[in-house]
Amino acid sequence: MSAATELSNIAINKFRAGPGDQLPLAYHYHESQQEAFYILHGTLSVETLTQIITVETGELLTVDTESPQRAYNSRDAEEDVVALAVGAPAVDDDVVAYDPETEN
């Protein structure tokens, strides 16, 4: 254990997605939670309102509250993507489904 560790009110999940699969939540945003995705293996694609962001192994992407996004592994990927997702604060009920076709 490290005395320098300060963890408080966060959620940590490890996700694996095969080619063509998305991480567990469909297009959505969080009302109060910020998220960070650290890519352990592969390449994660994150669709936002204005672009598709590619996050490679060893890179980190942060997502602000109320920012619609959908994270997935591209259909033409040759390998699974493995991502560590950290959200703060840890909440169970702030996920809001988002449909870009009806929300614009």
N, C-alpha and C. Protein backbone atom coordinates (compact mmCIF):
# COMPACT_ATOMS: atom_id res chain seq x y z
N MET A 1 0.84 -1.19 0.00
CA MET A 1 0.00 0.00 0.00
C MET A 1 0.88 1.24 0.00
N SER A 2 0.37 2.26 -0.65
CA SER A 2 1.10 3.52 -0.72
C SER A 2 0.40 4.55 0.14
N ALA A 3 1.15 5.28 0.92
CA ALA A 3 0.58 6.33 1.76
C ALA A 3 0.09 7.50 0.92
N ALA A 4 0.53 7.60 -0.33
CA ALA A 4 0.15 8.72 -1.19
C ALA A 4 -1.18 8.50 -1.90
N THR A 5 -1.78 7.33 -1.76
CA THR A 5 -3.02 7.03 -2.46
C THR A 5 -4.18 7.80 -1.84
N GLU A 6 -4.92 8.53 -2.68
CA GLU A 6 -6.11 9.24 -2.24
C GLU A 6 -7.27 8.89 -3.16
N LEU A 7 -8.06 7.91 -2.78
CA LEU A 7 -9.22 7.52 -3.57
C LEU A 7 -10.46 7.82 -2.76
N SER A 8 -11.38 8.52 -3.36
CA SER A 8 -12.60 8.86 -2.66
C SER A 8 -13.74 9.03 -3.65
N ASN A 9 -14.82 8.32 -3.43
CA ASN A 9 -16.04 8.47 -4.20
C ASN A 9 -15.83 8.36 -5.71
N ILE A 10 -15.17 7.28 -6.13
CA ILE A 10 -14.96 7.04 -7.55
C ILE A 10 -15.44 5.63 -7.92
N ALA A 11 -15.73 5.45 -9.17
CA ALA A 11 -16.09 4.13 -9.71
C ALA A 11 -15.01 3.73 -10.70
N ILE A 12 -14.54 2.49 -10.63
CA ILE A 12 -13.52 2.00 -11.55
C ILE A 12 -14.03 0.71 -12.18
N ASN A 13 -14.00 0.66 -13.52
CA ASN A 13 -14.44 -0.52 -14.25
C ASN A 13 -13.42 -0.86 -15.33
N LYS A 14 -13.28 -2.14 -15.59
CA LYS A 14 -12.44 -2.59 -16.69
C LYS A 14 -13.37 -3.21 -17.73
N PHE A 15 -13.27 -2.73 -18.98
CA PHE A 15 -14.13 -3.19 -20.04
C PHE A 15 -13.31 -3.81 -21.17
N ARG A 16 -13.87 -4.84 -21.79
CA ARG A 16 -13.29 -5.45 -22.99
C ARG A 16 -14.39 -5.46 -24.05
N ALA A 17 -14.02 -5.01 -25.26
CA ALA A 17 -14.99 -5.00 -26.36
C ALA A 17 -14.32 -5.58 -27.60
N GLY A 18 -14.96 -6.56 -28.20
CA GLY A 18 -14.47 -7.15 -29.44
C GLY A 18 -14.76 -6.23 -30.62
N PRO A 19 -14.19 -6.54 -31.77
CA PRO A 19 -14.46 -5.73 -32.97
C PRO A 19 -15.96 -5.57 -33.21
N GLY A 20 -16.40 -4.32 -33.38
CA GLY A 20 -17.81 -4.03 -33.62
C GLY A 20 -18.65 -3.87 -32.36
N ASP A 21 -18.08 -4.13 -31.19
CA ASP A 21 -18.82 -4.02 -29.93
C ASP A 21 -18.61 -2.66 -29.29
N GLN A 22 -19.62 -2.21 -28.54
CA GLN A 22 -19.46 -0.96 -27.79
C GLN A 22 -19.27 -1.28 -26.32
N LEU A 23 -18.73 -0.33 -25.58
CA LEU A 23 -18.67 -0.48 -24.14
C LEU A 23 -20.11 -0.52 -23.64
N PRO A 24 -20.36 -0.96 -22.42
CA PRO A 24 -21.73 -1.28 -21.98
C PRO A 24 -22.81 -0.23 -22.22
N LEU A 25 -22.52 1.04 -22.12
CA LEU A 25 -23.57 2.03 -22.29
C LEU A 25 -23.64 2.51 -23.73
N ALA A 26 -24.85 2.61 -24.26
CA ALA A 26 -25.05 3.16 -25.60
C ALA A 26 -24.78 4.67 -25.54
N TYR A 27 -25.08 5.39 -26.60
CA TYR A 27 -24.88 6.84 -26.62
C TYR A 27 -25.54 7.44 -25.38
N HIS A 28 -24.78 8.20 -24.57
CA HIS A 28 -25.28 8.69 -23.30
C HIS A 28 -24.44 9.86 -22.80
N TYR A 29 -24.89 10.44 -21.72
CA TYR A 29 -24.07 11.38 -20.97
C TYR A 29 -24.38 11.22 -19.50
N HIS A 30 -23.53 11.80 -18.67
CA HIS A 30 -23.71 11.75 -17.22
C HIS A 30 -24.04 13.15 -16.72
N GLU A 31 -25.02 13.25 -15.86
CA GLU A 31 -25.42 14.55 -15.33
C GLU A 31 -24.39 15.12 -14.36
N SER A 32 -23.74 14.26 -13.58
CA SER A 32 -22.81 14.77 -12.56
C SER A 32 -21.45 14.08 -12.55
N GLN A 33 -21.28 13.04 -13.32
CA GLN A 33 -20.03 12.27 -13.28
C GLN A 33 -19.11 12.63 -14.44
N GLN A 34 -17.84 12.84 -14.13
CA GLN A 34 -16.81 12.96 -15.15
C GLN A 34 -16.21 11.58 -15.33
N GLU A 35 -15.77 11.27 -16.56
CA GLU A 35 -15.19 9.96 -16.84
C GLU A 35 -13.80 10.12 -17.43
N ALA A 36 -12.98 9.10 -17.19
CA ALA A 36 -11.67 9.01 -17.83
C ALA A 36 -11.52 7.58 -18.32
N PHE A 37 -11.06 7.43 -19.56
CA PHE A 37 -10.82 6.12 -20.14
C PHE A 37 -9.32 5.98 -20.40
N TYR A 38 -8.69 4.99 -19.78
CA TYR A 38 -7.28 4.69 -20.05
C TYR A 38 -7.26 3.38 -20.84
N ILE A 39 -6.61 3.39 -22.00
CA ILE A 39 -6.63 2.23 -22.88
C ILE A 39 -5.46 1.31 -22.55
N LEU A 40 -5.80 0.11 -22.09
CA LEU A 40 -4.79 -0.89 -21.73
C LEU A 40 -4.32 -1.67 -22.95
N HIS A 41 -5.23 -1.86 -23.92
CA HIS A 41 -4.90 -2.65 -25.11
C HIS A 41 -5.86 -2.28 -26.23
N GLY A 42 -5.35 -2.14 -27.44
CA GLY A 42 -6.19 -1.89 -28.60
C GLY A 42 -6.44 -0.41 -28.83
N THR A 43 -7.50 -0.14 -29.58
CA THR A 43 -7.86 1.23 -29.94
C THR A 43 -9.35 1.44 -29.67
N LEU A 44 -9.66 2.45 -28.87
CA LEU A 44 -11.05 2.78 -28.55
C LEU A 44 -11.48 3.95 -29.43
N SER A 45 -12.68 3.84 -30.01
CA SER A 45 -13.27 4.95 -30.75
C SER A 45 -14.35 5.55 -29.87
N VAL A 46 -14.37 6.88 -29.77
CA VAL A 46 -15.37 7.57 -28.96
C VAL A 46 -16.07 8.59 -29.84
N GLU A 47 -17.37 8.35 -30.06
CA GLU A 47 -18.18 9.25 -30.88
C GLU A 47 -18.75 10.34 -29.98
N THR A 48 -18.56 11.61 -30.37
CA THR A 48 -19.13 12.74 -29.66
C THR A 48 -20.08 13.46 -30.63
N LEU A 49 -20.61 14.58 -30.21
CA LEU A 49 -21.52 15.34 -31.07
C LEU A 49 -20.82 15.88 -32.32
N THR A 50 -19.51 16.09 -32.23
CA THR A 50 -18.82 16.75 -33.34
C THR A 50 -17.73 15.94 -34.01
N GLN A 51 -17.33 14.81 -33.41
CA GLN A 51 -16.20 14.07 -33.97
C GLN A 51 -16.13 12.64 -33.43
N ILE A 52 -15.27 11.86 -34.04
CA ILE A 52 -14.92 10.54 -33.51
C ILE A 52 -13.47 10.62 -33.08
N ILE A 53 -13.24 10.36 -31.81
CA ILE A 53 -11.90 10.44 -31.24
C ILE A 53 -11.34 9.03 -31.15
N THR A 54 -10.11 8.85 -31.58
CA THR A 54 -9.42 7.56 -31.51
C THR A 54 -8.43 7.61 -30.35
N VAL A 55 -8.55 6.64 -29.45
CA VAL A 55 -7.69 6.59 -28.26
C VAL A 55 -6.91 5.28 -28.32
N GLU A 56 -5.59 5.39 -28.40
CA GLU A 56 -4.70 4.24 -28.58
C GLU A 56 -4.22 3.69 -27.24
N THR A 57 -3.64 2.49 -27.28
CA THR A 57 -3.03 1.87 -26.09
C THR A 57 -2.11 2.87 -25.40
N GLY A 58 -2.27 3.00 -24.09
CA GLY A 58 -1.43 3.89 -23.29
C GLY A 58 -1.91 5.33 -23.25
N GLU A 59 -3.02 5.65 -23.94
CA GLU A 59 -3.54 7.01 -23.94
C GLU A 59 -4.74 7.12 -23.00
N LEU A 60 -5.02 8.35 -22.58
CA LEU A 60 -6.10 8.66 -21.66
C LEU A 60 -7.03 9.68 -22.30
N LEU A 61 -8.32 9.46 -22.19
CA LEU A 61 -9.33 10.41 -22.66
C LEU A 61 -10.23 10.75 -21.50
N THR A 62 -10.51 12.04 -21.30
CA THR A 62 -11.45 12.45 -20.26
C THR A 62 -12.72 12.98 -20.92
N VAL A 63 -13.85 12.77 -20.25
CA VAL A 63 -15.15 13.21 -20.75
C VAL A 63 -15.83 14.01 -19.65
N ASP A 64 -16.20 15.25 -19.96
CA ASP A 64 -16.86 16.11 -19.00
C ASP A 64 -18.31 15.70 -18.78
N THR A 65 -18.90 16.18 -17.70
CA THR A 65 -20.31 15.95 -17.44
C THR A 65 -21.13 16.56 -18.58
N GLU A 66 -22.29 15.99 -18.80
CA GLU A 66 -23.25 16.46 -19.80
C GLU A 66 -22.67 16.51 -21.21
N SER A 67 -21.68 15.65 -21.49
CA SER A 67 -21.08 15.56 -22.83
C SER A 67 -21.46 14.22 -23.45
N PRO A 68 -22.43 14.21 -24.37
CA PRO A 68 -22.86 12.95 -24.98
C PRO A 68 -21.70 12.24 -25.69
N GLN A 69 -21.64 10.92 -25.49
CA GLN A 69 -20.59 10.13 -26.12
C GLN A 69 -20.98 8.67 -26.16
N ARG A 70 -20.31 7.97 -27.08
CA ARG A 70 -20.50 6.52 -27.22
C ARG A 70 -19.13 5.94 -27.51
N ALA A 71 -18.70 4.98 -26.69
CA ALA A 71 -17.37 4.38 -26.84
C ALA A 71 -17.52 2.97 -27.40
N TYR A 72 -16.67 2.65 -28.40
CA TYR A 72 -16.79 1.35 -29.05
C TYR A 72 -15.47 0.93 -29.69
N ASN A 73 -15.42 -0.34 -30.06
CA ASN A 73 -14.30 -0.88 -30.82
C ASN A 73 -14.77 -0.94 -32.28
N SER A 74 -14.00 -0.37 -33.16
CA SER A 74 -14.36 -0.31 -34.57
C SER A 74 -14.64 -1.70 -35.15
N ARG A 75 -15.58 -1.78 -36.07
CA ARG A 75 -15.92 -3.06 -36.73
C ARG A 75 -14.72 -3.67 -37.45
N ASP A 76 -13.84 -2.82 -37.98
CA ASP A 76 -12.69 -3.33 -38.72
C ASP A 76 -11.44 -3.52 -37.86
N ALA A 77 -11.60 -3.44 -36.55
CA ALA A 77 -10.46 -3.67 -35.64
C ALA A 77 -10.00 -5.12 -35.75
N GLU A 78 -8.73 -5.33 -35.56
CA GLU A 78 -8.16 -6.69 -35.63
C GLU A 78 -8.02 -7.33 -34.26
N GLU A 79 -8.34 -6.57 -33.20
CA GLU A 79 -8.19 -7.10 -31.84
C GLU A 79 -9.20 -6.45 -30.91
N ASP A 80 -9.37 -7.05 -29.74
CA ASP A 80 -10.22 -6.47 -28.71
C ASP A 80 -9.60 -5.18 -28.19
N VAL A 81 -10.45 -4.31 -27.65
CA VAL A 81 -9.97 -3.15 -26.92
C VAL A 81 -10.26 -3.40 -25.45
N VAL A 82 -9.29 -3.07 -24.60
CA VAL A 82 -9.45 -3.21 -23.16
C VAL A 82 -9.23 -1.82 -22.55
N ALA A 83 -10.22 -1.35 -21.83
CA ALA A 83 -10.17 0.01 -21.28
C ALA A 83 -10.46 -0.01 -19.79
N LEU A 84 -9.75 0.84 -19.07
CA LEU A 84 -10.02 1.09 -17.67
C LEU A 84 -10.81 2.39 -17.62
N ALA A 85 -12.01 2.33 -17.07
CA ALA A 85 -12.88 3.51 -16.99
C ALA A 85 -12.99 3.95 -15.54
N VAL A 86 -12.73 5.22 -15.31
CA VAL A 86 -12.81 5.78 -13.96
C VAL A 86 -13.82 6.91 -14.01
N GLY A 87 -14.78 6.89 -13.09
CA GLY A 87 -15.80 7.93 -13.02
C GLY A 87 -15.86 8.53 -11.64
N ALA A 88 -16.04 9.84 -11.57
CA ALA A 88 -16.15 10.51 -10.28
C ALA A 88 -17.15 11.66 -10.40
N PRO A 89 -18.01 11.81 -9.43
CA PRO A 89 -18.20 10.93 -8.28
C PRO A 89 -18.87 9.62 -8.69
N ALA A 90 -18.73 8.62 -7.84
CA ALA A 90 -19.39 7.33 -8.09
C ALA A 90 -20.89 7.52 -7.89
N VAL A 91 -21.66 7.32 -8.95
CA VAL A 91 -23.11 7.48 -8.89
C VAL A 91 -23.78 6.35 -9.64
N ASP A 92 -25.01 6.04 -9.26
CA ASP A 92 -25.73 4.96 -9.91
C ASP A 92 -26.82 5.43 -10.84
N ASP A 93 -27.25 6.66 -10.71
CA ASP A 93 -28.46 7.06 -11.43
C ASP A 93 -28.33 8.36 -12.21
N ASP A 94 -27.14 8.71 -12.68
CA ASP A 94 -27.02 9.96 -13.43
C ASP A 94 -26.83 9.75 -14.93
N VAL A 95 -26.99 8.51 -15.41
CA VAL A 95 -26.82 8.22 -16.83
C VAL A 95 -28.09 8.62 -17.58
N VAL A 96 -27.91 9.40 -18.65
CA VAL A 96 -29.02 9.85 -19.46
C VAL A 96 -28.80 9.34 -20.88
N ALA A 97 -29.75 8.55 -21.39
CA ALA A 97 -29.66 8.08 -22.77
C ALA A 97 -29.71 9.27 -23.71
N TYR A 98 -28.96 9.17 -24.80
CA TYR A 98 -28.91 10.28 -25.75
C TYR A 98 -29.08 9.73 -27.16
N ASP A 99 -29.98 10.34 -27.93
CA ASP A 99 -30.19 9.94 -29.31
C ASP A 99 -29.85 11.12 -30.19
N PRO A 100 -28.71 11.09 -30.89
CA PRO A 100 -28.32 12.23 -31.70
C PRO A 100 -29.30 12.56 -32.81
N GLU A 101 -30.12 11.60 -33.21
CA GLU A 101 -31.11 11.83 -34.28
C GLU A 101 -32.27 12.69 -33.80
N THR A 102 -32.65 12.58 -32.53
CA THR A 102 -33.80 13.32 -32.02
C THR A 102 -33.42 14.50 -31.14
N GLU A 103 -32.19 14.59 -30.70
CA GLU A 103 -31.79 15.64 -29.78
C GLU A 103 -31.34 16.91 -30.48
N ASN A 104 -31.10 16.88 -31.76
CA ASN A 104 -30.60 18.10 -32.45
C ASN A 104 -31.71 19.04 -32.82
